[in-house]
Structures are given as C-alpha cells and as structure tokens.
Amino acid sequence: MGQVSITIRGRQYQIACDDGQEANLARLGRYLDQKAEQAVPSSGSVSEPLLLVMVALLVADELSDTTAALDAAQGAAQHQVETARAAAEQAAATAIDGVSERIERIAARLAGT
C-alpha cells in the first residue's frame, strides 16, 4: 500500500493509496491546495473545516459545470448522428428509387422487343 504526503494551505496530510496511485494522488492534492488558495482571499480567515467545505463546494461546482457541458456535447453529438443517419437513409432511398426506375426501363425495353 502506497502513502503520499499532500499539503493544503501549509498543513500536511498523510494519505494511504493503492500502489501506483501516488503520483495521481499527489496531483489531486496540489489541485485541492490551489482551490484552497483561491477560496481564502475571498473569504478571509476561516477555520480548517469550513475551508475544506468551501473547497469541496468549489470542486463540486466545477464537476457540475463539466457534467452539464458533457451532457450538452453528448446531446449535440446525438443530434448530429441522427441528422447524418436521416440524410444517409434519404440518399439510400433516392439511390434505390433511381435503380428501380432504370430496372423498370430496361424491363420495358426487353418486353417491347
């Protein structure tokens, strides 16, 4: 089992993690430290529990915005797929109609001879 020391606002925390996850956990710790630094100037001096709640809310807000953007992108992509499918079906139907007309003309000529 791995262990990582992360620092948030100058205070170190020892966090256990699965082996191989140390670098990722350290990166996440730096991210949380940045969020804590962003939260402090706007709120002044706050207790550690309140600061951690504020950081959690900032991260949750980012996650919510990202989820909404992803949902919108998936909706737009689905719309594009449906539009492309409809266009392909229309093109196939037009091609089939053209082939059908040619076959009928050939059949008519053969029947007339």
PDB file of N, CA and C in Angstrom:
ATOM      1  N   MET A   1       0.864  -1.168   0.000  1.00  0.00           N
ATOM      2  CA  MET A   1       0.000   0.000   0.000  1.00  0.00           C
ATOM      3  C   MET A   1       0.903   1.221   0.000  1.00  0.00           C
ATOM      4  N   GLY A   2       0.615   2.173  -0.916  1.00  0.00           N
ATOM      5  CA  GLY A   2       1.390   3.397  -1.012  1.00  0.00           C
ATOM      6  C   GLY A   2       0.917   4.443  -0.016  1.00  0.00           C
ATOM      7  N   GLN A   3       1.729   5.458   0.127  1.00  0.00           N
ATOM      8  CA  GLN A   3       1.362   6.559   1.009  1.00  0.00           C
ATOM      9  C   GLN A   3       1.930   7.838   0.410  1.00  0.00           C
ATOM     10  N   VAL A   4       1.128   8.904   0.481  1.00  0.00           N
ATOM     11  CA  VAL A   4       1.511  10.187  -0.094  1.00  0.00           C
ATOM     12  C   VAL A   4       1.272  11.265   0.941  1.00  0.00           C
ATOM     13  N   SER A   5       2.181  12.217   0.973  1.00  0.00           N
ATOM     14  CA  SER A   5       2.010  13.380   1.826  1.00  0.00           C
ATOM     15  C   SER A   5       1.535  14.524   0.933  1.00  0.00           C
ATOM     16  N   ILE A   6       0.342  15.028   1.203  1.00  0.00           N
ATOM     17  CA  ILE A   6      -0.147  16.184   0.454  1.00  0.00           C
ATOM     18  C   ILE A   6      -0.219  17.373   1.401  1.00  0.00           C
ATOM     19  N   THR A   7      -0.043  18.542   0.849  1.00  0.00           N
ATOM     20  CA  THR A   7      -0.048  19.766   1.651  1.00  0.00           C
ATOM     21  C   THR A   7      -1.159  20.669   1.153  1.00  0.00           C
ATOM     22  N   ILE A   8      -2.018  21.076   2.073  1.00  0.00           N
ATOM     23  CA  ILE A   8      -3.093  22.015   1.760  1.00  0.00           C
ATOM     24  C   ILE A   8      -2.975  23.177   2.732  1.00  0.00           C
ATOM     25  N   ARG A   9      -2.724  24.348   2.139  1.00  0.00           N
ATOM     26  CA  ARG A   9      -2.550  25.576   2.925  1.00  0.00           C
ATOM     27  C   ARG A   9      -1.496  25.402   4.023  1.00  0.00           C
ATOM     28  N   GLY A  10      -0.398  24.746   3.672  1.00  0.00           N
ATOM     29  CA  GLY A  10       0.713  24.605   4.596  1.00  0.00           C
ATOM     30  C   GLY A  10       0.588  23.463   5.577  1.00  0.00           C
ATOM     31  N   ARG A  11      -0.499  22.777   5.594  1.00  0.00           N
ATOM     32  CA  ARG A  11      -0.683  21.656   6.523  1.00  0.00           C
ATOM     33  C   ARG A  11      -0.557  20.344   5.760  1.00  0.00           C
ATOM     34  N   GLN A  12       0.259  19.449   6.284  1.00  0.00           N
ATOM     35  CA  GLN A  12       0.497  18.175   5.612  1.00  0.00           C
ATOM     36  C   GLN A  12      -0.473  17.111   6.094  1.00  0.00           C
ATOM     37  N   TYR A  13      -0.869  16.285   5.135  1.00  0.00           N
ATOM     38  CA  TYR A  13      -1.751  15.158   5.419  1.00  0.00           C
ATOM     39  C   TYR A  13      -1.117  13.916   4.815  1.00  0.00           C
ATOM     40  N   GLN A  14      -1.055  12.838   5.578  1.00  0.00           N
ATOM     41  CA  GLN A  14      -0.560  11.557   5.083  1.00  0.00           C
ATOM     42  C   GLN A  14      -1.761  10.755   4.603  1.00  0.00           C
ATOM     43  N   ILE A  15      -1.730  10.407   3.336  1.00  0.00           N
ATOM     44  CA  ILE A  15      -2.855   9.709   2.722  1.00  0.00           C
ATOM     45  C   ILE A  15      -2.382   8.361   2.182  1.00  0.00           C
ATOM     46  N   ALA A  16      -3.066   7.303   2.552  1.00  0.00           N
ATOM     47  CA  ALA A  16      -2.760   5.971   2.024  1.00  0.00           C
ATOM     48  C   ALA A  16      -3.476   5.790   0.688  1.00  0.00           C
ATOM     49  N   CYS A  17      -2.835   5.034  -0.184  1.00  0.00           N
ATOM     50  CA  CYS A  17      -3.440   4.782  -1.501  1.00  0.00           C
ATOM     51  C   CYS A  17      -2.928   3.449  -2.032  1.00  0.00           C
ATOM     52  N   ASP A  18      -3.557   2.990  -3.086  1.00  0.00           N
ATOM     53  CA  ASP A  18      -3.085   1.774  -3.743  1.00  0.00           C
ATOM     54  C   ASP A  18      -1.724   2.036  -4.368  1.00  0.00           C
ATOM     55  N   ASP A  19      -0.913   0.998  -4.418  1.00  0.00           N
ATOM     56  CA  ASP A  19       0.393   1.125  -5.065  1.00  0.00           C
ATOM     57  C   ASP A  19       0.205   1.586  -6.512  1.00  0.00           C
ATOM     58  N   GLY A  20       1.036   2.500  -6.925  1.00  0.00           N
ATOM     59  CA  GLY A  20       0.966   3.034  -8.284  1.00  0.00           C
ATOM     60  C   GLY A  20       0.081   4.259  -8.411  1.00  0.00           C
ATOM     61  N   GLN A  21      -0.651   4.604  -7.373  1.00  0.00           N
ATOM     62  CA  GLN A  21      -1.551   5.763  -7.419  1.00  0.00           C
ATOM     63  C   GLN A  21      -0.951   7.006  -6.763  1.00  0.00           C
ATOM     64  N   GLU A  22       0.287   6.908  -6.322  1.00  0.00           N
ATOM     65  CA  GLU A  22       0.909   8.000  -5.585  1.00  0.00           C
ATOM     66  C   GLU A  22       0.973   9.294  -6.399  1.00  0.00           C
ATOM     67  N   ALA A  23       1.409   9.203  -7.632  1.00  0.00           N
ATOM     68  CA  ALA A  23       1.547  10.414  -8.458  1.00  0.00           C
ATOM     69  C   ALA A  23       0.188  11.067  -8.696  1.00  0.00           C
ATOM     70  N   ASN A  24      -0.829  10.263  -8.946  1.00  0.00           N
ATOM     71  CA  ASN A  24      -2.169  10.802  -9.167  1.00  0.00           C
ATOM     72  C   ASN A  24      -2.699  11.471  -7.909  1.00  0.00           C
ATOM     73  N   LEU A  25      -2.498  10.831  -6.766  1.00  0.00           N
ATOM     74  CA  LEU A  25      -2.962  11.407  -5.508  1.00  0.00           C
ATOM     75  C   LEU A  25      -2.223  12.704  -5.195  1.00  0.00           C
ATOM     76  N   ALA A  26      -0.920  12.746  -5.473  1.00  0.00           N
ATOM     77  CA  ALA A  26      -0.145  13.971  -5.257  1.00  0.00           C
ATOM     78  C   ALA A  26      -0.666  15.092  -6.154  1.00  0.00           C
ATOM     79  N   ARG A  27      -1.000  14.756  -7.404  1.00  0.00           N
ATOM     80  CA  ARG A  27      -1.555  15.746  -8.338  1.00  0.00           C
ATOM     81  C   ARG A  27      -2.887  16.277  -7.822  1.00  0.00           C
ATOM     82  N   LEU A  28      -3.726  15.385  -7.333  1.00  0.00           N
ATOM     83  CA  LEU A  28      -5.017  15.809  -6.787  1.00  0.00           C
ATOM     84  C   LEU A  28      -4.830  16.679  -5.547  1.00  0.00           C
ATOM     85  N   GLY A  29      -3.851  16.358  -4.738  1.00  0.00           N
ATOM     86  CA  GLY A  29      -3.555  17.184  -3.569  1.00  0.00           C
ATOM     87  C   GLY A  29      -3.136  18.594  -3.961  1.00  0.00           C
ATOM     88  N   ARG A  30      -2.296  18.708  -4.981  1.00  0.00           N
ATOM     89  CA  ARG A  30      -1.896  20.046  -5.472  1.00  0.00           C
ATOM     90  C   ARG A  30      -3.106  20.813  -5.992  1.00  0.00           C
ATOM     91  N   TYR A  31      -4.003  20.117  -6.661  1.00  0.00           N
ATOM     92  CA  TYR A  31      -5.225  20.743  -7.170  1.00  0.00           C
ATOM     93  C   TYR A  31      -6.068  21.291  -6.023  1.00  0.00           C
ATOM     94  N   LEU A  32      -6.241  20.474  -4.981  1.00  0.00           N
ATOM     95  CA  LEU A  32      -7.030  20.922  -3.826  1.00  0.00           C
ATOM     96  C   LEU A  32      -6.348  22.094  -3.122  1.00  0.00           C
ATOM     97  N   ASP A  33      -5.024  22.078  -3.058  1.00  0.00           N
ATOM     98  CA  ASP A  33      -4.295  23.198  -2.452  1.00  0.00           C
ATOM     99  C   ASP A  33      -4.537  24.479  -3.246  1.00  0.00           C
ATOM    100  N   GLN A  34      -4.530  24.378  -4.561  1.00  0.00           N
ATOM    101  CA  GLN A  34      -4.819  25.555  -5.398  1.00  0.00           C
ATOM    102  C   GLN A  34      -6.229  26.070  -5.132  1.00  0.00           C
ATOM    103  N   LYS A  35      -7.186  25.166  -5.027  1.00  0.00           N
ATOM    104  CA  LYS A  35      -8.565  25.576  -4.754  1.00  0.00           C
ATOM    105  C   LYS A  35      -8.669  26.241  -3.382  1.00  0.00           C
ATOM    106  N   ALA A  36      -7.933  25.721  -2.399  1.00  0.00           N
ATOM    107  CA  ALA A  36      -7.940  26.323  -1.068  1.00  0.00           C
ATOM    108  C   ALA A  36      -7.342  27.725  -1.128  1.00  0.00           C
ATOM    109  N   GLU A  37      -6.285  27.900  -1.895  1.00  0.00           N
ATOM    110  CA  GLU A  37      -5.667  29.224  -2.038  1.00  0.00           C
ATOM    111  C   GLU A  37      -6.644  30.197  -2.702  1.00  0.00           C
ATOM    112  N   GLN A  38      -7.432  29.716  -3.641  1.00  0.00           N
ATOM    113  CA  GLN A  38      -8.434  30.563  -4.300  1.00  0.00           C
ATOM    114  C   GLN A  38      -9.552  30.946  -3.341  1.00  0.00           C
ATOM    115  N   ALA A  39      -9.929  30.041  -2.464  1.00  0.00           N
ATOM    116  CA  ALA A  39     -11.054  30.278  -1.566  1.00  0.00           C
ATOM    117  C   ALA A  39     -10.702  31.258  -0.449  1.00  0.00           C
ATOM    118  N   VAL A  40      -9.477  31.234   0.035  1.00  0.00           N
ATOM    119  CA  VAL A  40      -9.104  32.045   1.193  1.00  0.00           C
ATOM    120  C   VAL A  40      -9.195  33.546   0.931  1.00  0.00           C
ATOM    121  N   PRO A  41      -8.665  34.086  -0.175  1.00  0.00           N
ATOM    122  CA  PRO A  41      -8.733  35.539  -0.347  1.00  0.00           C
ATOM    123  C   PRO A  41     -10.161  36.085  -0.356  1.00  0.00           C
ATOM    124  N   SER A  42     -11.093  35.319  -0.905  1.00  0.00           N
ATOM    125  CA  SER A  42     -12.464  35.816  -0.983  1.00  0.00           C
ATOM    126  C   SER A  42     -13.211  35.689   0.338  1.00  0.00           C
ATOM    127  N   SER A  43     -12.718  34.826   1.220  1.00  0.00           N
ATOM    128  CA  SER A  43     -13.450  34.592   2.454  1.00  0.00           C
ATOM    129  C   SER A  43     -12.708  35.065   3.696  1.00  0.00           C
ATOM    130  N   GLY A  44     -11.463  35.491   3.540  1.00  0.00           N
ATOM    131  CA  GLY A  44     -10.692  35.910   4.702  1.00  0.00           C
ATOM    132  C   GLY A  44     -10.245  34.703   5.500  1.00  0.00           C
ATOM    133  N   SER A  45     -10.041  34.893   6.773  1.00  0.00           N
ATOM    134  CA  SER A  45      -9.581  33.824   7.647  1.00  0.00           C
ATOM    135  C   SER A  45     -10.767  32.948   8.041  1.00  0.00           C
ATOM    136  N   VAL A  46     -10.643  31.649   7.750  1.00  0.00           N
ATOM    137  CA  VAL A  46     -11.722  30.713   8.084  1.00  0.00           C
ATOM    138  C   VAL A  46     -11.121  29.495   8.776  1.00  0.00           C
ATOM    139  N   SER A  47     -11.946  28.774   9.472  1.00  0.00           N
ATOM    140  CA  SER A  47     -11.489  27.551  10.134  1.00  0.00           C
ATOM    141  C   SER A  47     -11.179  26.489   9.082  1.00  0.00           C
ATOM    142  N   GLU A  48     -10.367  25.522   9.487  1.00  0.00           N
ATOM    143  CA  GLU A  48      -9.993  24.449   8.565  1.00  0.00           C
ATOM    144  C   GLU A  48     -11.205  23.654   8.069  1.00  0.00           C
ATOM    145  N   PRO A  49     -12.132  23.271   8.957  1.00  0.00           N
ATOM    146  CA  PRO A  49     -13.310  22.531   8.450  1.00  0.00           C
ATOM    147  C   PRO A  49     -14.122  23.358   7.453  1.00  0.00           C
ATOM    148  N   LEU A  50     -14.299  24.649   7.732  1.00  0.00           N
ATOM    149  CA  LEU A  50     -15.056  25.487   6.803  1.00  0.00           C
ATOM    150  C   LEU A  50     -14.310  25.628   5.478  1.00  0.00           C
ATOM    151  N   LEU A  51     -12.990  25.772   5.548  1.00  0.00           N
ATOM    152  CA  LEU A  51     -12.196  25.867   4.325  1.00  0.00           C
ATOM    153  C   LEU A  51     -12.349  24.598   3.497  1.00  0.00           C
ATOM    154  N   LEU A  52     -12.295  23.444   4.144  1.00  0.00           N
ATOM    155  CA  LEU A  52     -12.443  22.193   3.402  1.00  0.00           C
ATOM    156  C   LEU A  52     -13.831  22.071   2.780  1.00  0.00           C
ATOM    157  N   VAL A  53     -14.850  22.561   3.472  1.00  0.00           N
ATOM    158  CA  VAL A  53     -16.200  22.560   2.903  1.00  0.00           C
ATOM    159  C   VAL A  53     -16.245  23.488   1.696  1.00  0.00           C
ATOM    160  N   MET A  54     -15.623  24.663   1.808  1.00  0.00           N
ATOM    161  CA  MET A  54     -15.608  25.612   0.687  1.00  0.00           C
ATOM    162  C   MET A  54     -14.879  25.020  -0.513  1.00  0.00           C
ATOM    163  N   VAL A  55     -13.756  24.346  -0.269  1.00  0.00           N
ATOM    164  CA  VAL A  55     -13.013  23.697  -1.357  1.00  0.00           C
ATOM    165  C   VAL A  55     -13.875  22.610  -1.990  1.00  0.00           C
ATOM    166  N   ALA A  56     -14.539  21.826  -1.160  1.00  0.00           N
ATOM    167  CA  ALA A  56     -15.416  20.771  -1.693  1.00  0.00           C
ATOM    168  C   ALA A  56     -16.520  21.374  -2.554  1.00  0.00           C
ATOM    169  N   LEU A  57     -17.072  22.506  -2.137  1.00  0.00           N
ATOM    170  CA  LEU A  57     -18.124  23.154  -2.930  1.00  0.00           C
ATOM    171  C   LEU A  57     -17.571  23.695  -4.240  1.00  0.00           C
ATOM    172  N   LEU A  58     -16.360  24.258  -4.224  1.00  0.00           N
ATOM    173  CA  LEU A  58     -15.744  24.730  -5.469  1.00  0.00           C
ATOM    174  C   LEU A  58     -15.539  23.581  -6.446  1.00  0.00           C
ATOM    175  N   VAL A  59     -15.038  22.469  -5.931  1.00  0.00           N
ATOM    176  CA  VAL A  59     -14.792  21.304  -6.788  1.00  0.00           C
ATOM    177  C   VAL A  59     -16.121  20.727  -7.278  1.00  0.00           C
ATOM    178  N   ALA A  60     -17.125  20.682  -6.399  1.00  0.00           N
ATOM    179  CA  ALA A  60     -18.438  20.173  -6.802  1.00  0.00           C
ATOM    180  C   ALA A  60     -19.061  21.068  -7.877  1.00  0.00           C
ATOM    181  N   ASP A  61     -18.863  22.377  -7.761  1.00  0.00           N
ATOM    182  CA  ASP A  61     -19.374  23.308  -8.763  1.00  0.00           C
ATOM    183  C   ASP A  61     -18.702  23.068 -10.112  1.00  0.00           C
ATOM    184  N   GLU A  62     -17.383  22.885 -10.096  1.00  0.00           N
ATOM    185  CA  GLU A  62     -16.663  22.569 -11.335  1.00  0.00           C
ATOM    186  C   GLU A  62     -17.162  21.261 -11.936  1.00  0.00           C
ATOM    187  N   LEU A  63     -17.354  20.264 -11.095  1.00  0.00           N
ATOM    188  CA  LEU A  63     -17.852  18.979 -11.571  1.00  0.00           C
ATOM    189  C   LEU A  63     -19.238  19.118 -12.183  1.00  0.00           C
ATOM    190  N   SER A  64     -20.091  19.906 -11.540  1.00  0.00           N
ATOM    191  CA  SER A  64     -21.441  20.132 -12.051  1.00  0.00           C
ATOM    192  C   SER A  64     -21.400  20.825 -13.414  1.00  0.00           C
ATOM    193  N   ASP A  65     -20.559  21.858 -13.530  1.00  0.00           N
ATOM    194  CA  ASP A  65     -20.425  22.564 -14.812  1.00  0.00           C
ATOM    195  C   ASP A  65     -19.888  21.632 -15.895  1.00  0.00           C
ATOM    196  N   THR A  66     -18.902  20.820 -15.540  1.00  0.00           N
ATOM    197  CA  THR A  66     -18.309  19.893 -16.506  1.00  0.00           C
ATOM    198  C   THR A  66     -19.319  18.841 -16.936  1.00  0.00           C
ATOM    199  N   THR A  67     -20.099  18.345 -15.986  1.00  0.00           N
ATOM    200  CA  THR A  67     -21.129  17.356 -16.304  1.00  0.00           C
ATOM    201  C   THR A  67     -22.183  17.946 -17.232  1.00  0.00           C
ATOM    202  N   ALA A  68     -22.581  19.192 -16.955  1.00  0.00           N
ATOM    203  CA  ALA A  68     -23.571  19.852 -17.816  1.00  0.00           C
ATOM    204  C   ALA A  68     -23.009  20.052 -19.223  1.00  0.00           C
ATOM    205  N   ALA A  69     -21.746  20.457 -19.313  1.00  0.00           N
ATOM    206  CA  ALA A  69     -21.122  20.646 -20.632  1.00  0.00           C
ATOM    207  C   ALA A  69     -21.016  19.320 -21.372  1.00  0.00           C
ATOM    208  N   LEU A  70     -20.670  18.268 -20.657  1.00  0.00           N
ATOM    209  CA  LEU A  70     -20.581  16.945 -21.273  1.00  0.00           C
ATOM    210  C   LEU A  70     -21.944  16.476 -21.760  1.00  0.00           C
ATOM    211  N   ASP A  71     -22.972  16.679 -20.937  1.00  0.00           N
ATOM    212  CA  ASP A  71     -24.330  16.308 -21.350  1.00  0.00           C
ATOM    213  C   ASP A  71     -24.751  17.068 -22.603  1.00  0.00           C
ATOM    214  N   ALA A  72     -24.424  18.371 -22.648  1.00  0.00           N
ATOM    215  CA  ALA A  72     -24.771  19.184 -23.818  1.00  0.00           C
ATOM    216  C   ALA A  72     -24.019  18.692 -25.051  1.00  0.00           C
ATOM    217  N   ALA A  73     -22.743  18.364 -24.883  1.00  0.00           N
ATOM    218  CA  ALA A  73     -21.947  17.873 -26.010  1.00  0.00           C
ATOM    219  C   ALA A  73     -22.476  16.529 -26.500  1.00  0.00           C
ATOM    220  N   GLN A  74     -22.856  15.658 -25.566  1.00  0.00           N
ATOM    221  CA  GLN A  74     -23.416  14.365 -25.963  1.00  0.00           C
ATOM    222  C   GLN A  74     -24.742  14.546 -26.692  1.00  0.00           C
ATOM    223  N   GLY A  75     -25.554  15.496 -26.223  1.00  0.00           N
ATOM    224  CA  GLY A  75     -26.823  15.779 -26.902  1.00  0.00           C
ATOM    225  C   GLY A  75     -26.599  16.289 -28.306  1.00  0.00           C
ATOM    226  N   ALA A  76     -25.621  17.199 -28.459  1.00  0.00           N
ATOM    227  CA  ALA A  76     -25.308  17.741 -29.789  1.00  0.00           C
ATOM    228  C   ALA A  76     -24.772  16.639 -30.696  1.00  0.00           C
ATOM    229  N   ALA A  77     -23.921  15.784 -30.151  1.00  0.00           N
ATOM    230  CA  ALA A  77     -23.371  14.687 -30.951  1.00  0.00           C
ATOM    231  C   ALA A  77     -24.475  13.727 -31.371  1.00  0.00           C
ATOM    232  N   GLN A  78     -25.388  13.434 -30.461  1.00  0.00           N
ATOM    233  CA  GLN A  78     -26.504  12.542 -30.790  1.00  0.00           C
ATOM    234  C   GLN A  78     -27.367  13.148 -31.886  1.00  0.00           C
ATOM    235  N   HIS A  79     -27.595  14.457 -31.801  1.00  0.00           N
ATOM    236  CA  HIS A  79     -28.381  15.141 -32.830  1.00  0.00           C
ATOM    237  C   HIS A  79     -27.672  15.045 -34.183  1.00  0.00           C
ATOM    238  N   GLN A  80     -26.348  15.230 -34.186  1.00  0.00           N
ATOM    239  CA  GLN A  80     -25.593  15.127 -35.434  1.00  0.00           C
ATOM    240  C   GLN A  80     -25.668  13.719 -36.008  1.00  0.00           C
ATOM    241  N   VAL A  81     -25.592  12.722 -35.130  1.00  0.00           N
ATOM    242  CA  VAL A  81     -25.689  11.333 -35.589  1.00  0.00           C
ATOM    243  C   VAL A  81     -27.064  11.085 -36.205  1.00  0.00           C
ATOM    244  N   GLU A  82     -28.102  11.552 -35.532  1.00  0.00           N
ATOM    245  CA  GLU A  82     -29.460  11.348 -36.044  1.00  0.00           C
ATOM    246  C   GLU A  82     -29.651  12.076 -37.376  1.00  0.00           C
ATOM    247  N   THR A  83     -29.109  13.288 -37.490  1.00  0.00           N
ATOM    248  CA  THR A  83     -29.214  14.051 -38.738  1.00  0.00           C
ATOM    249  C   THR A  83     -28.460  13.342 -39.859  1.00  0.00           C
ATOM    250  N   ALA A  84     -27.254  12.854 -39.562  1.00  0.00           N
ATOM    251  CA  ALA A  84     -26.464  12.140 -40.571  1.00  0.00           C
ATOM    252  C   ALA A  84     -27.153  10.847 -40.983  1.00  0.00           C
ATOM    253  N   ARG A  85     -27.728  10.148 -40.014  1.00  0.00           N
ATOM    254  CA  ARG A  85     -28.432   8.901 -40.323  1.00  0.00           C
ATOM    255  C   ARG A  85     -29.632   9.178 -41.241  1.00  0.00           C
ATOM    256  N   ALA A  86     -30.390  10.228 -40.923  1.00  0.00           N
ATOM    257  CA  ALA A  86     -31.550  10.568 -41.745  1.00  0.00           C
ATOM    258  C   ALA A  86     -31.114  10.939 -43.160  1.00  0.00           C
ATOM    259  N   ALA A  87     -30.020  11.691 -43.270  1.00  0.00           N
ATOM    260  CA  ALA A  87     -29.522  12.073 -44.595  1.00  0.00           C
ATOM    261  C   ALA A  87     -29.045  10.840 -45.367  1.00  0.00           C
ATOM    262  N   ALA A  88     -28.368   9.922 -44.687  1.00  0.00           N
ATOM    263  CA  ALA A  88     -27.898   8.702 -45.347  1.00  0.00           C
ATOM    264  C   ALA A  88     -29.074   7.841 -45.794  1.00  0.00           C
ATOM    265  N   GLU A  89     -30.106   7.746 -44.945  1.00  0.00           N
ATOM    266  CA  GLU A  89     -31.287   6.972 -45.320  1.00  0.00           C
ATOM    267  C   GLU A  89     -31.977   7.593 -46.524  1.00  0.00           C
ATOM    268  N   GLN A  90     -32.058   8.929 -46.553  1.00  0.00           N
ATOM    269  CA  GLN A  90     -32.676   9.613 -47.685  1.00  0.00           C
ATOM    270  C   GLN A  90     -31.873   9.389 -48.965  1.00  0.00           C
ATOM    271  N   ALA A  91     -30.538   9.470 -48.839  1.00  0.00           N
ATOM    272  CA  ALA A  91     -29.682   9.242 -50.009  1.00  0.00           C
ATOM    273  C   ALA A  91     -29.831   7.807 -50.506  1.00  0.00           C
ATOM    274  N   ALA A  92     -29.894   6.854 -49.592  1.00  0.00           N
ATOM    275  CA  ALA A  92     -30.066   5.453 -49.988  1.00  0.00           C
ATOM    276  C   ALA A  92     -31.416   5.246 -50.662  1.00  0.00           C
ATOM    277  N   ALA A  93     -32.461   5.863 -50.114  1.00  0.00           N
ATOM    278  CA  ALA A  93     -33.792   5.736 -50.704  1.00  0.00           C
ATOM    279  C   ALA A  93     -33.813   6.335 -52.111  1.00  0.00           C
ATOM    280  N   THR A  94     -33.169   7.478 -52.275  1.00  0.00           N
ATOM    281  CA  THR A  94     -33.102   8.116 -53.607  1.00  0.00           C
ATOM    282  C   THR A  94     -32.343   7.222 -54.580  1.00  0.00           C
ATOM    283  N   ALA A  95     -31.227   6.638 -54.127  1.00  0.00           N
ATOM    284  CA  ALA A  95     -30.453   5.745 -54.993  1.00  0.00           C
ATOM    285  C   ALA A  95     -31.264   4.512 -55.367  1.00  0.00           C
ATOM    286  N   ILE A  96     -31.981   3.950 -54.422  1.00  0.00           N
ATOM    287  CA  ILE A  96     -32.812   2.768 -54.693  1.00  0.00           C
ATOM    288  C   ILE A  96     -33.908   3.113 -55.691  1.00  0.00           C
ATOM    289  N   ASP A  97     -34.526   4.301 -55.529  1.00  0.00           N
ATOM    290  CA  ASP A  97     -35.559   4.729 -56.486  1.00  0.00           C
ATOM    291  C   ASP A  97     -34.967   4.847 -57.880  1.00  0.00           C
ATOM    292  N   GLY A  98     -33.749   5.418 -57.973  1.00  0.00           N
ATOM    293  CA  GLY A  98     -33.104   5.558 -59.285  1.00  0.00           C
ATOM    294  C   GLY A  98     -32.821   4.212 -59.916  1.00  0.00           C
ATOM    295  N   VAL A  99     -32.308   3.290 -59.149  1.00  0.00           N
ATOM    296  CA  VAL A  99     -32.017   1.942 -59.662  1.00  0.00           C
ATOM    297  C   VAL A  99     -33.313   1.263 -60.073  1.00  0.00           C
ATOM    298  N   SER A 100     -34.354   1.419 -59.266  1.00  0.00           N
ATOM    299  CA  SER A 100     -35.646   0.816 -59.576  1.00  0.00           C
ATOM    300  C   SER A 100     -36.190   1.355 -60.901  1.00  0.00           C
ATOM    301  N   GLU A 101     -36.062   2.657 -61.130  1.00  0.00           N
ATOM    302  CA  GLU A 101     -36.543   3.241 -62.387  1.00  0.00           C
ATOM    303  C   GLU A 101     -35.759   2.694 -63.574  1.00  0.00           C
ATOM    304  N   ARG A 102     -34.440   2.549 -63.404  1.00  0.00           N
ATOM    305  CA  ARG A 102     -33.629   2.005 -64.505  1.00  0.00           C
ATOM    306  C   ARG A 102     -34.031   0.565 -64.814  1.00  0.00           C
ATOM    307  N   ILE A 103     -34.250  -0.207 -63.770  1.00  0.00           N
ATOM    308  CA  ILE A 103     -34.649  -1.609 -63.972  1.00  0.00           C
ATOM    309  C   ILE A 103     -35.985  -1.668 -64.702  1.00  0.00           C
ATOM    310  N   GLU A 104     -36.915  -0.789 -64.319  1.00  0.00           N
ATOM    311  CA  GLU A 104     -38.221  -0.772 -64.987  1.00  0.00           C
ATOM    312  C   GLU A 104     -38.074  -0.387 -66.458  1.00  0.00           C
ATOM    313  N   ARG A 105     -37.200   0.597 -66.762  1.00  0.00           N
ATOM    314  CA  ARG A 105     -36.995   0.986 -68.161  1.00  0.00           C
ATOM    315  C   ARG A 105     -36.380  -0.161 -68.961  1.00  0.00           C
ATOM    316  N   ILE A 106     -35.403  -0.838 -68.346  1.00  0.00           N
ATOM    317  CA  ILE A 106     -34.767  -1.971 -69.037  1.00  0.00           C
ATOM    318  C   ILE A 106     -35.794  -3.076 -69.253  1.00  0.00           C
ATOM    319  N   ALA A 107     -36.612  -3.336 -68.228  1.00  0.00           N
ATOM    320  CA  ALA A 107     -37.625  -4.387 -68.346  1.00  0.00           C
ATOM    321  C   ALA A 107     -38.641  -4.021 -69.432  1.00  0.00           C
ATOM    322  N   ALA A 108     -39.002  -2.724 -69.511  1.00  0.00           N
ATOM    323  CA  ALA A 108     -39.964  -2.284 -70.528  1.00  0.00           C
ATOM    324  C   ALA A 108     -39.358  -2.467 -71.923  1.00  0.00           C
ATOM    325  N   ARG A 109     -38.069  -2.125 -72.088  1.00  0.00           N
ATOM    326  CA  ARG A 109     -37.433  -2.285 -73.391  1.00  0.00           C
ATOM    327  C   ARG A 109     -37.350  -3.761 -73.768  1.00  0.00           C
ATOM    328  N   LEU A 110     -37.021  -4.599 -72.820  1.00  0.00           N
ATOM    329  CA  LEU A 110     -36.935  -6.025 -73.102  1.00  0.00           C
ATOM    330  C   LEU A 110     -38.301  -6.603 -73.454  1.00  0.00           C
ATOM    331  N   ALA A 111     -39.332  -6.105 -72.791  1.00  0.00           N
ATOM    332  CA  ALA A 111     -40.681  -6.588 -73.055  1.00  0.00           C
ATOM    333  C   ALA A 111     -41.157  -6.113 -74.435  1.00  0.00           C
ATOM    334  N   GLY A 112     -40.670  -4.959 -74.891  1.00  0.00           N
ATOM    335  CA  GLY A 112     -41.082  -4.420 -76.184  1.00  0.00           C
ATOM    336  C   GLY A 112     -40.348  -5.059 -77.356  1.00  0.00           C
ATOM    337  N   THR A 113     -39.280  -5.766 -77.105  1.00  0.00           N
ATOM    338  CA  THR A 113     -38.546  -6.363 -78.200  1.00  0.00           C
ATOM    339  C   THR A 113     -38.953  -7.762 -78.513  1.00  0.00           C
TER     340      THR A 113
END
